[in-house]
Amino acid sequence: MTMGQRALIGGLNFAMVQILLLFGWARLILRGEFRSIKLNRIDKAVLWWTLSSMVTYLLLWRTFDAFKDRLGLAYNAVGLYFLFRFLVRDLDEAVHVFKITAILLVPLVGSMLMEKTAIQPL
């Protein structure tokens, strides 16, 4: 999916990845897979990085649009990080996710190579 695929809801643009993220969290909560975790140093670093990124950007631009932009990026960063933190529980699962991703990317790479080498009309 591209970042160009968007849904406009209440004056806010939501990319498809953000909508899928919402469904991922809904699955965790509805299936009871949501488990309490103890925050480690990396978790805290992600939260502090997100917060500092938002604050510095808002201090630089001082607009509501800047706030909406950073809020969307914070939603992506924190939401995806903790979603995968809940779903991928150990190193074996992480390796499995990388292997499956590599296999699924093969058709995408093939189609991108075909698109790149295709003769473009003038």
PDB file of N, CA and C in Angstrom:
ATOM      1  N   MET A   1       0.842  -1.172   0.000  1.00  0.00           N
ATOM      2  CA  MET A   1       0.000   0.000   0.000  1.00  0.00           C
ATOM      3  C   MET A   1       0.886   1.233   0.000  1.00  0.00           C
ATOM      4  N   THR A   2       0.396   2.268  -0.572  1.00  0.00           N
ATOM      5  CA  THR A   2       1.171   3.500  -0.636  1.00  0.00           C
ATOM      6  C   THR A   2       0.679   4.461   0.425  1.00  0.00           C
ATOM      7  N   MET A   3       1.474   5.466   0.706  1.00  0.00           N
ATOM      8  CA  MET A   3       1.057   6.487   1.668  1.00  0.00           C
ATOM      9  C   MET A   3      -0.001   7.392   1.050  1.00  0.00           C
ATOM     10  N   GLY A   4      -0.196   7.286  -0.271  1.00  0.00           N
ATOM     11  CA  GLY A   4      -1.204   8.094  -0.943  1.00  0.00           C
ATOM     12  C   GLY A   4      -2.625   7.598  -0.709  1.00  0.00           C
ATOM     13  N   GLN A   5      -2.777   6.357  -0.297  1.00  0.00           N
ATOM     14  CA  GLN A   5      -4.110   5.825  -0.010  1.00  0.00           C
ATOM     15  C   GLN A   5      -4.520   6.348   1.358  1.00  0.00           C
ATOM     16  N   ARG A   6      -5.529   7.215   1.361  1.00  0.00           N
ATOM     17  CA  ARG A   6      -5.918   7.888   2.595  1.00  0.00           C
ATOM     18  C   ARG A   6      -7.427   7.929   2.740  1.00  0.00           C
ATOM     19  N   ALA A   7      -7.854   8.092   3.987  1.00  0.00           N
ATOM     20  CA  ALA A   7      -9.269   8.302   4.301  1.00  0.00           C
ATOM     21  C   ALA A   7      -9.367   9.610   5.070  1.00  0.00           C
ATOM     22  N   LEU A   8     -10.280  10.453   4.678  1.00  0.00           N
ATOM     23  CA  LEU A   8     -10.494  11.724   5.352  1.00  0.00           C
ATOM     24  C   LEU A   8     -11.638  11.558   6.340  1.00  0.00           C
ATOM     25  N   ILE A   9     -11.322  11.645   7.630  1.00  0.00           N
ATOM     26  CA  ILE A   9     -12.321  11.444   8.680  1.00  0.00           C
ATOM     27  C   ILE A   9     -12.243  12.642   9.628  1.00  0.00           C
ATOM     28  N   GLY A  10     -13.330  13.377   9.706  1.00  0.00           N
ATOM     29  CA  GLY A  10     -13.378  14.515  10.621  1.00  0.00           C
ATOM     30  C   GLY A  10     -12.321  15.567  10.363  1.00  0.00           C
ATOM     31  N   GLY A  11     -11.968  15.785   9.112  1.00  0.00           N
ATOM     32  CA  GLY A  11     -10.959  16.777   8.779  1.00  0.00           C
ATOM     33  C   GLY A  11      -9.529  16.301   8.951  1.00  0.00           C
ATOM     34  N   LEU A  12      -9.344  15.050   9.339  1.00  0.00           N
ATOM     35  CA  LEU A  12      -8.004  14.489   9.513  1.00  0.00           C
ATOM     36  C   LEU A  12      -7.754  13.435   8.449  1.00  0.00           C
ATOM     37  N   ASN A  13      -6.538  13.434   7.905  1.00  0.00           N
ATOM     38  CA  ASN A  13      -6.138  12.437   6.913  1.00  0.00           C
ATOM     39  C   ASN A  13      -5.567  11.223   7.626  1.00  0.00           C
ATOM     40  N   PHE A  14      -6.107  10.057   7.311  1.00  0.00           N
ATOM     41  CA  PHE A  14      -5.584   8.815   7.862  1.00  0.00           C
ATOM     42  C   PHE A  14      -5.076   7.950   6.729  1.00  0.00           C
ATOM     43  N   ALA A  15      -3.773   7.641   6.766  1.00  0.00           N
ATOM     44  CA  ALA A  15      -3.194   6.725   5.787  1.00  0.00           C
ATOM     45  C   ALA A  15      -3.667   5.316   6.119  1.00  0.00           C
ATOM     46  N   MET A  16      -3.626   4.447   5.139  1.00  0.00           N
ATOM     47  CA  MET A  16      -4.093   3.077   5.351  1.00  0.00           C
ATOM     48  C   MET A  16      -3.306   2.368   6.460  1.00  0.00           C
ATOM     49  N   VAL A  17      -2.031   2.680   6.582  1.00  0.00           N
ATOM     50  CA  VAL A  17      -1.246   2.046   7.645  1.00  0.00           C
ATOM     51  C   VAL A  17      -1.790   2.456   9.019  1.00  0.00           C
ATOM     52  N   GLN A  18      -2.293   3.666   9.142  1.00  0.00           N
ATOM     53  CA  GLN A  18      -2.863   4.111  10.416  1.00  0.00           C
ATOM     54  C   GLN A  18      -4.179   3.415  10.705  1.00  0.00           C
ATOM     55  N   ILE A  19      -4.959   3.168   9.674  1.00  0.00           N
ATOM     56  CA  ILE A  19      -6.224   2.449   9.847  1.00  0.00           C
ATOM     57  C   ILE A  19      -5.942   0.990  10.209  1.00  0.00           C
ATOM     58  N   LEU A  20      -4.967   0.378   9.537  1.00  0.00           N
ATOM     59  CA  LEU A  20      -4.590  -0.989   9.875  1.00  0.00           C
ATOM     60  C   LEU A  20      -4.039  -1.084  11.291  1.00  0.00           C
ATOM     61  N   LEU A  21      -3.332  -0.062  11.713  1.00  0.00           N
ATOM     62  CA  LEU A  21      -2.821  -0.021  13.080  1.00  0.00           C
ATOM     63  C   LEU A  21      -3.974  -0.016  14.086  1.00  0.00           C
ATOM     64  N   LEU A  22      -5.001   0.736  13.787  1.00  0.00           N
ATOM     65  CA  LEU A  22      -6.182   0.764  14.650  1.00  0.00           C
ATOM     66  C   LEU A  22      -6.824  -0.616  14.746  1.00  0.00           C
ATOM     67  N   PHE A  23      -6.928  -1.310  13.608  1.00  0.00           N
ATOM     68  CA  PHE A  23      -7.498  -2.657  13.619  1.00  0.00           C
ATOM     69  C   PHE A  23      -6.594  -3.649  14.353  1.00  0.00           C
ATOM     70  N   GLY A  24      -5.280  -3.462  14.260  1.00  0.00           N
ATOM     71  CA  GLY A  24      -4.355  -4.319  14.999  1.00  0.00           C
ATOM     72  C   GLY A  24      -4.545  -4.173  16.495  1.00  0.00           C
ATOM     73  N   TRP A  25      -4.697  -2.953  16.964  1.00  0.00           N
ATOM     74  CA  TRP A  25      -4.938  -2.726  18.395  1.00  0.00           C
ATOM     75  C   TRP A  25      -6.302  -3.240  18.806  1.00  0.00           C
ATOM     76  N   ALA A  26      -7.302  -3.093  17.928  1.00  0.00           N
ATOM     77  CA  ALA A  26      -8.637  -3.618  18.240  1.00  0.00           C
ATOM     78  C   ALA A  26      -8.573  -5.135  18.402  1.00  0.00           C
ATOM     79  N   ARG A  27      -7.799  -5.796  17.545  1.00  0.00           N
ATOM     80  CA  ARG A  27      -7.639  -7.249  17.663  1.00  0.00           C
ATOM     81  C   ARG A  27      -7.015  -7.623  19.002  1.00  0.00           C
ATOM     82  N   LEU A  28      -5.967  -6.911  19.382  1.00  0.00           N
ATOM     83  CA  LEU A  28      -5.319  -7.203  20.664  1.00  0.00           C
ATOM     84  C   LEU A  28      -6.293  -7.089  21.827  1.00  0.00           C
ATOM     85  N   ILE A  29      -7.084  -6.048  21.792  1.00  0.00           N
ATOM     86  CA  ILE A  29      -7.997  -5.794  22.911  1.00  0.00           C
ATOM     87  C   ILE A  29      -9.167  -6.762  22.889  1.00  0.00           C
ATOM     88  N   LEU A  30      -9.781  -6.979  21.708  1.00  0.00           N
ATOM     89  CA  LEU A  30     -10.964  -7.838  21.628  1.00  0.00           C
ATOM     90  C   LEU A  30     -10.653  -9.309  21.889  1.00  0.00           C
ATOM     91  N   ARG A  31      -9.482  -9.766  21.481  1.00  0.00           N
ATOM     92  CA  ARG A  31      -9.105 -11.166  21.701  1.00  0.00           C
ATOM     93  C   ARG A  31      -8.466 -11.404  23.065  1.00  0.00           C
ATOM     94  N   GLY A  32      -8.281 -10.345  23.807  1.00  0.00           N
ATOM     95  CA  GLY A  32      -7.655 -10.494  25.113  1.00  0.00           C
ATOM     96  C   GLY A  32      -6.168 -10.782  25.040  1.00  0.00           C
ATOM     97  N   GLU A  33      -5.546 -10.470  23.898  1.00  0.00           N
ATOM     98  CA  GLU A  33      -4.110 -10.703  23.739  1.00  0.00           C
ATOM     99  C   GLU A  33      -3.305  -9.573  24.357  1.00  0.00           C
ATOM    100  N   PHE A  34      -3.997  -8.532  24.735  1.00  0.00           N
ATOM    101  CA  PHE A  34      -3.352  -7.382  25.373  1.00  0.00           C
ATOM    102  C   PHE A  34      -2.871  -7.817  26.746  1.00  0.00           C
ATOM    103  N   ARG A  35      -1.590  -7.789  26.932  1.00  0.00           N
ATOM    104  CA  ARG A  35      -1.027  -8.199  28.212  1.00  0.00           C
ATOM    105  C   ARG A  35      -0.225  -7.036  28.775  1.00  0.00           C
ATOM    106  N   SER A  36      -0.170  -6.977  30.066  1.00  0.00           N
ATOM    107  CA  SER A  36       0.598  -5.887  30.666  1.00  0.00           C
ATOM    108  C   SER A  36       2.083  -6.193  30.504  1.00  0.00           C
ATOM    109  N   ILE A  37       2.815  -5.175  30.173  1.00  0.00           N
ATOM    110  CA  ILE A  37       4.257  -5.337  30.041  1.00  0.00           C
ATOM    111  C   ILE A  37       4.931  -4.308  30.933  1.00  0.00           C
ATOM    112  N   LYS A  38       6.088  -4.656  31.362  1.00  0.00           N
ATOM    113  CA  LYS A  38       6.884  -3.731  32.145  1.00  0.00           C
ATOM    114  C   LYS A  38       7.756  -2.956  31.158  1.00  0.00           C
ATOM    115  N   LEU A  39       7.708  -1.634  31.248  1.00  0.00           N
ATOM    116  CA  LEU A  39       8.476  -0.815  30.311  1.00  0.00           C
ATOM    117  C   LEU A  39       9.969  -0.999  30.551  1.00  0.00           C
ATOM    118  N   ASN A  40      10.693  -1.290  29.466  1.00  0.00           N
ATOM    119  CA  ASN A  40      12.145  -1.398  29.570  1.00  0.00           C
ATOM    120  C   ASN A  40      12.774  -0.105  29.046  1.00  0.00           C
ATOM    121  N   ARG A  41      14.075  -0.072  28.948  1.00  0.00           N
ATOM    122  CA  ARG A  41      14.774   1.144  28.518  1.00  0.00           C
ATOM    123  C   ARG A  41      14.433   1.526  27.085  1.00  0.00           C
ATOM    124  N   ILE A  42      14.290   0.548  26.232  1.00  0.00           N
ATOM    125  CA  ILE A  42      13.962   0.852  24.835  1.00  0.00           C
ATOM    126  C   ILE A  42      12.554   1.424  24.731  1.00  0.00           C
ATOM    127  N   ASP A  43      11.620   0.860  25.477  1.00  0.00           N
ATOM    128  CA  ASP A  43      10.256   1.388  25.489  1.00  0.00           C
ATOM    129  C   ASP A  43      10.255   2.848  25.925  1.00  0.00           C
ATOM    130  N   LYS A  44      10.961   3.126  26.998  1.00  0.00           N
ATOM    131  CA  LYS A  44      11.032   4.503  27.499  1.00  0.00           C
ATOM    132  C   LYS A  44      11.723   5.419  26.503  1.00  0.00           C
ATOM    133  N   ALA A  45      12.746   4.914  25.827  1.00  0.00           N
ATOM    134  CA  ALA A  45      13.441   5.722  24.821  1.00  0.00           C
ATOM    135  C   ALA A  45      12.502   6.071  23.663  1.00  0.00           C
ATOM    136  N   VAL A  46      11.693   5.120  23.228  1.00  0.00           N
ATOM    137  CA  VAL A  46      10.732   5.385  22.155  1.00  0.00           C
ATOM    138  C   VAL A  46       9.733   6.451  22.595  1.00  0.00           C
ATOM    139  N   LEU A  47       9.242   6.350  23.814  1.00  0.00           N
ATOM    140  CA  LEU A  47       8.276   7.332  24.317  1.00  0.00           C
ATOM    141  C   LEU A  47       8.912   8.715  24.450  1.00  0.00           C
ATOM    142  N   TRP A  48      10.124   8.790  25.004  1.00  0.00           N
ATOM    143  CA  TRP A  48      10.802  10.071  25.155  1.00  0.00           C
ATOM    144  C   TRP A  48      11.168  10.670  23.799  1.00  0.00           C
ATOM    145  N   TRP A  49      11.623   9.843  22.867  1.00  0.00           N
ATOM    146  CA  TRP A  49      11.953  10.333  21.530  1.00  0.00           C
ATOM    147  C   TRP A  49      10.715  10.909  20.850  1.00  0.00           C
ATOM    148  N   THR A  50       9.588  10.216  20.978  1.00  0.00           N
ATOM    149  CA  THR A  50       8.349  10.687  20.374  1.00  0.00           C
ATOM    150  C   THR A  50       7.922  12.010  20.983  1.00  0.00           C
ATOM    151  N   LEU A  51       7.957  12.092  22.298  1.00  0.00           N
ATOM    152  CA  LEU A  51       7.557  13.316  22.983  1.00  0.00           C
ATOM    153  C   LEU A  51       8.486  14.478  22.631  1.00  0.00           C
ATOM    154  N   SER A  52       9.792  14.240  22.656  1.00  0.00           N
ATOM    155  CA  SER A  52      10.739  15.315  22.339  1.00  0.00           C
ATOM    156  C   SER A  52      10.617  15.752  20.885  1.00  0.00           C
ATOM    157  N   SER A  53      10.350  14.805  19.998  1.00  0.00           N
ATOM    158  CA  SER A  53      10.148  15.144  18.592  1.00  0.00           C
ATOM    159  C   SER A  53       8.933  16.046  18.421  1.00  0.00           C
ATOM    160  N   MET A  54       7.865  15.720  19.124  1.00  0.00           N
ATOM    161  CA  MET A  54       6.655  16.543  19.038  1.00  0.00           C
ATOM    162  C   MET A  54       6.905  17.945  19.589  1.00  0.00           C
ATOM    163  N   VAL A  55       7.518  18.025  20.751  1.00  0.00           N
ATOM    164  CA  VAL A  55       7.735  19.322  21.396  1.00  0.00           C
ATOM    165  C   VAL A  55       8.649  20.214  20.559  1.00  0.00           C
ATOM    166  N   THR A  56       9.768  19.670  20.072  1.00  0.00           N
ATOM    167  CA  THR A  56      10.697  20.491  19.296  1.00  0.00           C
ATOM    168  C   THR A  56      10.073  20.960  17.989  1.00  0.00           C
ATOM    169  N   TYR A  57       9.309  20.109  17.326  1.00  0.00           N
ATOM    170  CA  TYR A  57       8.659  20.491  16.077  1.00  0.00           C
ATOM    171  C   TYR A  57       7.602  21.565  16.330  1.00  0.00           C
ATOM    172  N   LEU A  58       6.856  21.416  17.407  1.00  0.00           N
ATOM    173  CA  LEU A  58       5.832  22.414  17.733  1.00  0.00           C
ATOM    174  C   LEU A  58       6.455  23.746  18.125  1.00  0.00           C
ATOM    175  N   LEU A  59       7.571  23.725  18.831  1.00  0.00           N
ATOM    176  CA  LEU A  59       8.255  24.964  19.174  1.00  0.00           C
ATOM    177  C   LEU A  59       8.815  25.650  17.921  1.00  0.00           C
ATOM    178  N   LEU A  60       9.205  24.870  16.945  1.00  0.00           N
ATOM    179  CA  LEU A  60       9.739  25.428  15.708  1.00  0.00           C
ATOM    180  C   LEU A  60       8.647  26.070  14.857  1.00  0.00           C
ATOM    181  N   TRP A  61       7.520  25.364  14.656  1.00  0.00           N
ATOM    182  CA  TRP A  61       6.506  25.835  13.712  1.00  0.00           C
ATOM    183  C   TRP A  61       5.330  26.546  14.364  1.00  0.00           C
ATOM    184  N   ARG A  62       4.951  26.180  15.563  1.00  0.00           N
ATOM    185  CA  ARG A  62       3.894  26.851  16.334  1.00  0.00           C
ATOM    186  C   ARG A  62       2.570  27.001  15.573  1.00  0.00           C
ATOM    187  N   THR A  63       2.144  25.933  14.914  1.00  0.00           N
ATOM    188  CA  THR A  63       0.853  25.949  14.224  1.00  0.00           C
ATOM    189  C   THR A  63       0.069  24.699  14.597  1.00  0.00           C
ATOM    190  N   PHE A  64      -1.243  24.785  14.397  1.00  0.00           N
ATOM    191  CA  PHE A  64      -2.089  23.627  14.667  1.00  0.00           C
ATOM    192  C   PHE A  64      -1.823  22.521  13.650  1.00  0.00           C
ATOM    193  N   ASP A  65      -1.501  22.896  12.420  1.00  0.00           N
ATOM    194  CA  ASP A  65      -1.168  21.885  11.405  1.00  0.00           C
ATOM    195  C   ASP A  65       0.087  21.106  11.797  1.00  0.00           C
ATOM    196  N   ALA A  66       1.058  21.793  12.390  1.00  0.00           N
ATOM    197  CA  ALA A  66       2.267  21.113  12.862  1.00  0.00           C
ATOM    198  C   ALA A  66       1.908  20.132  13.979  1.00  0.00           C
ATOM    199  N   PHE A  67       0.988  20.542  14.844  1.00  0.00           N
ATOM    200  CA  PHE A  67       0.535  19.660  15.921  1.00  0.00           C
ATOM    201  C   PHE A  67      -0.132  18.413  15.356  1.00  0.00           C
ATOM    202  N   LYS A  68      -1.027  18.595  14.364  1.00  0.00           N
ATOM    203  CA  LYS A  68      -1.703  17.449  13.752  1.00  0.00           C
ATOM    204  C   LYS A  68      -0.698  16.522  13.074  1.00  0.00           C
ATOM    205  N   ASP A  69       0.282  17.106  12.404  1.00  0.00           N
ATOM    206  CA  ASP A  69       1.298  16.308  11.716  1.00  0.00           C
ATOM    207  C   ASP A  69       2.086  15.465  12.713  1.00  0.00           C
ATOM    208  N   ARG A  70       2.565  16.079  13.776  1.00  0.00           N
ATOM    209  CA  ARG A  70       3.357  15.353  14.768  1.00  0.00           C
ATOM    210  C   ARG A  70       2.519  14.357  15.548  1.00  0.00           C
ATOM    211  N   LEU A  71       1.244  14.658  15.752  1.00  0.00           N
ATOM    212  CA  LEU A  71       0.367  13.722  16.436  1.00  0.00           C
ATOM    213  C   LEU A  71       0.200  12.454  15.600  1.00  0.00           C
ATOM    214  N   GLY A  72       0.078  12.611  14.282  1.00  0.00           N
ATOM    215  CA  GLY A  72      -0.008  11.457  13.387  1.00  0.00           C
ATOM    216  C   GLY A  72       1.264  10.628  13.410  1.00  0.00           C
ATOM    217  N   LEU A  73       2.413  11.296  13.401  1.00  0.00           N
ATOM    218  CA  LEU A  73       3.682  10.568  13.452  1.00  0.00           C
ATOM    219  C   LEU A  73       3.869   9.867  14.799  1.00  0.00           C
ATOM    220  N   ALA A  74       3.433  10.512  15.876  1.00  0.00           N
ATOM    221  CA  ALA A  74       3.524   9.883  17.197  1.00  0.00           C
ATOM    222  C   ALA A  74       2.614   8.664  17.268  1.00  0.00           C
ATOM    223  N   TYR A  75       1.419   8.771  16.695  1.00  0.00           N
ATOM    224  CA  TYR A  75       0.486   7.639  16.642  1.00  0.00           C
ATOM    225  C   TYR A  75       1.127   6.474  15.910  1.00  0.00           C
ATOM    226  N   ASN A  76       1.771   6.764  14.778  1.00  0.00           N
ATOM    227  CA  ASN A  76       2.442   5.709  14.011  1.00  0.00           C
ATOM    228  C   ASN A  76       3.583   5.086  14.802  1.00  0.00           C
ATOM    229  N   ALA A  77       4.456   5.917  15.338  1.00  0.00           N
ATOM    230  CA  ALA A  77       5.662   5.416  16.002  1.00  0.00           C
ATOM    231  C   ALA A  77       5.317   4.600  17.247  1.00  0.00           C
ATOM    232  N   VAL A  78       4.552   5.191  18.136  1.00  0.00           N
ATOM    233  CA  VAL A  78       4.229   4.519  19.398  1.00  0.00           C
ATOM    234  C   VAL A  78       3.282   3.344  19.153  1.00  0.00           C
ATOM    235  N   GLY A  79       2.288   3.549  18.291  1.00  0.00           N
ATOM    236  CA  GLY A  79       1.324   2.486  18.006  1.00  0.00           C
ATOM    237  C   GLY A  79       1.961   1.264  17.382  1.00  0.00           C
ATOM    238  N   LEU A  80       2.795   1.469  16.358  1.00  0.00           N
ATOM    239  CA  LEU A  80       3.445   0.336  15.701  1.00  0.00           C
ATOM    240  C   LEU A  80       4.465  -0.331  16.619  1.00  0.00           C
ATOM    241  N   TYR A  81       5.233   0.479  17.331  1.00  0.00           N
ATOM    242  CA  TYR A  81       6.243  -0.103  18.216  1.00  0.00           C
ATOM    243  C   TYR A  81       5.596  -1.027  19.249  1.00  0.00           C
ATOM    244  N   PHE A  82       4.595  -0.512  19.946  1.00  0.00           N
ATOM    245  CA  PHE A  82       3.993  -1.321  21.005  1.00  0.00           C
ATOM    246  C   PHE A  82       3.111  -2.440  20.453  1.00  0.00           C
ATOM    247  N   LEU A  83       2.522  -2.260  19.262  1.00  0.00           N
ATOM    248  CA  LEU A  83       1.771  -3.358  18.652  1.00  0.00           C
ATOM    249  C   LEU A  83       2.699  -4.540  18.387  1.00  0.00           C
ATOM    250  N   PHE A  84       3.850  -4.256  17.774  1.00  0.00           N
ATOM    251  CA  PHE A  84       4.794  -5.333  17.516  1.00  0.00           C
ATOM    252  C   PHE A  84       5.421  -5.851  18.806  1.00  0.00           C
ATOM    253  N   ARG A  85       5.550  -4.997  19.784  1.00  0.00           N
ATOM    254  CA  ARG A  85       6.084  -5.442  21.086  1.00  0.00           C
ATOM    255  C   ARG A  85       5.145  -6.463  21.734  1.00  0.00           C
ATOM    256  N   PHE A  86       3.838  -6.287  21.552  1.00  0.00           N
ATOM    257  CA  PHE A  86       2.868  -7.241  22.090  1.00  0.00           C
ATOM    258  C   PHE A  86       2.774  -8.499  21.239  1.00  0.00           C
ATOM    259  N   LEU A  87       2.864  -8.345  19.923  1.00  0.00           N
ATOM    260  CA  LEU A  87       2.654  -9.489  19.035  1.00  0.00           C
ATOM    261  C   LEU A  87       3.902 -10.359  18.869  1.00  0.00           C
ATOM    262  N   VAL A  88       5.073  -9.751  18.840  1.00  0.00           N
ATOM    263  CA  VAL A  88       6.332 -10.491  18.678  1.00  0.00           C
ATOM    264  C   VAL A  88       6.981 -10.574  20.046  1.00  0.00           C
ATOM    265  N   ARG A  89       6.890 -11.738  20.648  1.00  0.00           N
ATOM    266  CA  ARG A  89       7.252 -11.870  22.063  1.00  0.00           C
ATOM    267  C   ARG A  89       8.692 -12.317  22.319  1.00  0.00           C
ATOM    268  N   ASP A  90       9.323 -12.979  21.350  1.00  0.00           N
ATOM    269  CA  ASP A  90      10.693 -13.418  21.596  1.00  0.00           C
ATOM    270  C   ASP A  90      11.488 -13.390  20.294  1.00  0.00           C
ATOM    271  N   LEU A  91      12.766 -13.726  20.390  1.00  0.00           N
ATOM    272  CA  LEU A  91      13.664 -13.640  19.247  1.00  0.00           C
ATOM    273  C   LEU A  91      13.260 -14.600  18.130  1.00  0.00           C
ATOM    274  N   ASP A  92      12.791 -15.793  18.467  1.00  0.00           N
ATOM    275  CA  ASP A  92      12.371 -16.759  17.449  1.00  0.00           C
ATOM    276  C   ASP A  92      11.210 -16.220  16.622  1.00  0.00           C
ATOM    277  N   GLU A  93      10.258 -15.572  17.279  1.00  0.00           N
ATOM    278  CA  GLU A  93       9.134 -14.974  16.549  1.00  0.00           C
ATOM    279  C   GLU A  93       9.603 -13.824  15.674  1.00  0.00           C
ATOM    280  N   ALA A  94      10.575 -13.038  16.142  1.00  0.00           N
ATOM    281  CA  ALA A  94      11.105 -11.929  15.344  1.00  0.00           C
ATOM    282  C   ALA A  94      11.792 -12.462  14.086  1.00  0.00           C
ATOM    283  N   VAL A  95      12.574 -13.511  14.233  1.00  0.00           N
ATOM    284  CA  VAL A  95      13.238 -14.126  13.073  1.00  0.00           C
ATOM    285  C   VAL A  95      12.192 -14.654  12.094  1.00  0.00           C
ATOM    286  N   HIS A  96      11.141 -15.280  12.610  1.00  0.00           N
ATOM    287  CA  HIS A  96      10.058 -15.794  11.767  1.00  0.00           C
ATOM    288  C   HIS A  96       9.382 -14.648  11.000  1.00  0.00           C
ATOM    289  N   VAL A  97       9.144 -13.528  11.661  1.00  0.00           N
ATOM    290  CA  VAL A  97       8.526 -12.370  11.001  1.00  0.00           C
ATOM    291  C   VAL A  97       9.423 -11.865   9.873  1.00  0.00           C
ATOM    292  N   PHE A  98      10.720 -11.791  10.105  1.00  0.00           N
ATOM    293  CA  PHE A  98      11.641 -11.330   9.069  1.00  0.00           C
ATOM    294  C   PHE A  98      11.680 -12.293   7.882  1.00  0.00           C
ATOM    295  N   LYS A  99      11.645 -13.590   8.134  1.00  0.00           N
ATOM    296  CA  LYS A  99      11.651 -14.573   7.049  1.00  0.00           C
ATOM    297  C   LYS A  99      10.386 -14.471   6.209  1.00  0.00           C
ATOM    298  N   ILE A 100       9.241 -14.374   6.866  1.00  0.00           N
ATOM    299  CA  ILE A 100       7.970 -14.251   6.138  1.00  0.00           C
ATOM    300  C   ILE A 100       7.947 -12.958   5.330  1.00  0.00           C
ATOM    301  N   THR A 101       8.427 -11.867   5.924  1.00  0.00           N
ATOM    302  CA  THR A 101       8.474 -10.588   5.210  1.00  0.00           C
ATOM    303  C   THR A 101       9.363 -10.683   3.976  1.00  0.00           C
ATOM    304  N   ALA A 102      10.511 -11.324   4.109  1.00  0.00           N
ATOM    305  CA  ALA A 102      11.419 -11.487   2.971  1.00  0.00           C
ATOM    306  C   ALA A 102      10.743 -12.276   1.849  1.00  0.00           C
ATOM    307  N   ILE A 103      10.008 -13.318   2.199  1.00  0.00           N
ATOM    308  CA  ILE A 103       9.309 -14.121   1.184  1.00  0.00           C
ATOM    309  C   ILE A 103       8.207 -13.300   0.513  1.00  0.00           C
ATOM    310  N   LEU A 104       7.470 -12.542   1.310  1.00  0.00           N
ATOM    311  CA  LEU A 104       6.371 -11.747   0.753  1.00  0.00           C
ATOM    312  C   LEU A 104       6.854 -10.578  -0.101  1.00  0.00           C
ATOM    313  N   LEU A 105       8.090 -10.134   0.107  1.00  0.00           N
ATOM    314  CA  LEU A 105       8.615  -9.024  -0.676  1.00  0.00           C
ATOM    315  C   LEU A 105       9.095  -9.437  -2.069  1.00  0.00           C
ATOM    316  N   VAL A 106       9.297 -10.727  -2.285  1.00  0.00           N
ATOM    317  CA  VAL A 106       9.796 -11.192  -3.587  1.00  0.00           C
ATOM    318  C   VAL A 106       8.870 -10.771  -4.742  1.00  0.00           C
ATOM    319  N   PRO A 107       7.552 -10.999  -4.666  1.00  0.00           N
ATOM    320  CA  PRO A 107       6.696 -10.547  -5.768  1.00  0.00           C
ATOM    321  C   PRO A 107       6.705  -9.021  -5.936  1.00  0.00           C
ATOM    322  N   LEU A 108       6.811  -8.291  -4.856  1.00  0.00           N
ATOM    323  CA  LEU A 108       6.867  -6.837  -4.937  1.00  0.00           C
ATOM    324  C   LEU A 108       8.130  -6.387  -5.664  1.00  0.00           C
ATOM    325  N   VAL A 109       9.254  -6.981  -5.312  1.00  0.00           N
ATOM    326  CA  VAL A 109      10.518  -6.652  -5.977  1.00  0.00           C
ATOM    327  C   VAL A 109      10.431  -6.977  -7.460  1.00  0.00           C
ATOM    328  N   GLY A 110       9.853  -8.135  -7.782  1.00  0.00           N
ATOM    329  CA  GLY A 110       9.697  -8.504  -9.190  1.00  0.00           C
ATOM    330  C   GLY A 110       8.856  -7.503  -9.957  1.00  0.00           C
ATOM    331  N   SER A 111       7.759  -7.084  -9.383  1.00  0.00           N
ATOM    332  CA  SER A 111       6.906  -6.116 -10.082  1.00  0.00           C
ATOM    333  C   SER A 111       7.577  -4.749 -10.189  1.00  0.00           C
ATOM    334  N   MET A 112       8.362  -4.381  -9.202  1.00  0.00           N
ATOM    335  CA  MET A 112       9.070  -3.102  -9.274  1.00  0.00           C
ATOM    336  C   MET A 112      10.174  -3.146 -10.334  1.00  0.00           C
ATOM    337  N   LEU A 113      10.838  -4.284 -10.440  1.00  0.00           N
ATOM    338  CA  LEU A 113      11.858  -4.421 -11.483  1.00  0.00           C
ATOM    339  C   LEU A 113      11.230  -4.394 -12.870  1.00  0.00           C
ATOM    340  N   MET A 114      10.074  -5.042 -13.003  1.00  0.00           N
ATOM    341  CA  MET A 114       9.376  -5.007 -14.300  1.00  0.00           C
ATOM    342  C   MET A 114       8.956  -3.575 -14.647  1.00  0.00           C
ATOM    343  N   GLU A 115       8.482  -2.858 -13.675  1.00  0.00           N
ATOM    344  CA  GLU A 115       8.069  -1.468 -13.900  1.00  0.00           C
ATOM    345  C   GLU A 115       9.275  -0.602 -14.268  1.00  0.00           C
ATOM    346  N   LYS A 116      10.385  -0.810 -13.605  1.00  0.00           N
ATOM    347  CA  LYS A 116      11.598  -0.009 -13.857  1.00  0.00           C
ATOM    348  C   LYS A 116      12.168  -0.281 -15.244  1.00  0.00           C
ATOM    349  N   THR A 117      12.138  -1.528 -15.689  1.00  0.00           N
ATOM    350  CA  THR A 117      12.732  -1.871 -16.982  1.00  0.00           C
ATOM    351  C   THR A 117      11.763  -1.734 -18.148  1.00  0.00           C
ATOM    352  N   ALA A 118      10.514  -1.463 -17.890  1.00  0.00           N
ATOM    353  CA  ALA A 118       9.524  -1.317 -18.973  1.00  0.00           C
ATOM    354  C   ALA A 118       9.856  -0.064 -19.784  1.00  0.00           C
ATOM    355  N   ILE A 119       9.597  -0.173 -21.082  1.00  0.00           N
ATOM    356  CA  ILE A 119       9.812   0.968 -21.971  1.00  0.00           C
ATOM    357  C   ILE A 119       8.705   1.981 -21.719  1.00  0.00           C
ATOM    358  N   GLN A 120       9.123   3.187 -21.377  1.00  0.00           N
ATOM    359  CA  GLN A 120       8.172   4.237 -21.076  1.00  0.00           C
ATOM    360  C   GLN A 120       7.717   4.931 -22.365  1.00  0.00           C
ATOM    361  N   PRO A 121       6.412   5.174 -22.517  1.00  0.00           N
ATOM    362  CA  PRO A 121       5.946   5.900 -23.716  1.00  0.00           C
ATOM    363  C   PRO A 121       6.390   7.361 -23.666  1.00  0.00           C
ATOM    364  N   LEU A 122       6.612   7.917 -24.845  1.00  0.00           N
ATOM    365  CA  LEU A 122       7.046   9.325 -24.912  1.00  0.00           C
ATOM    366  C   LEU A 122       5.916  10.263 -24.846  1.00  0.00           C
TER     367      LEU A 122
END
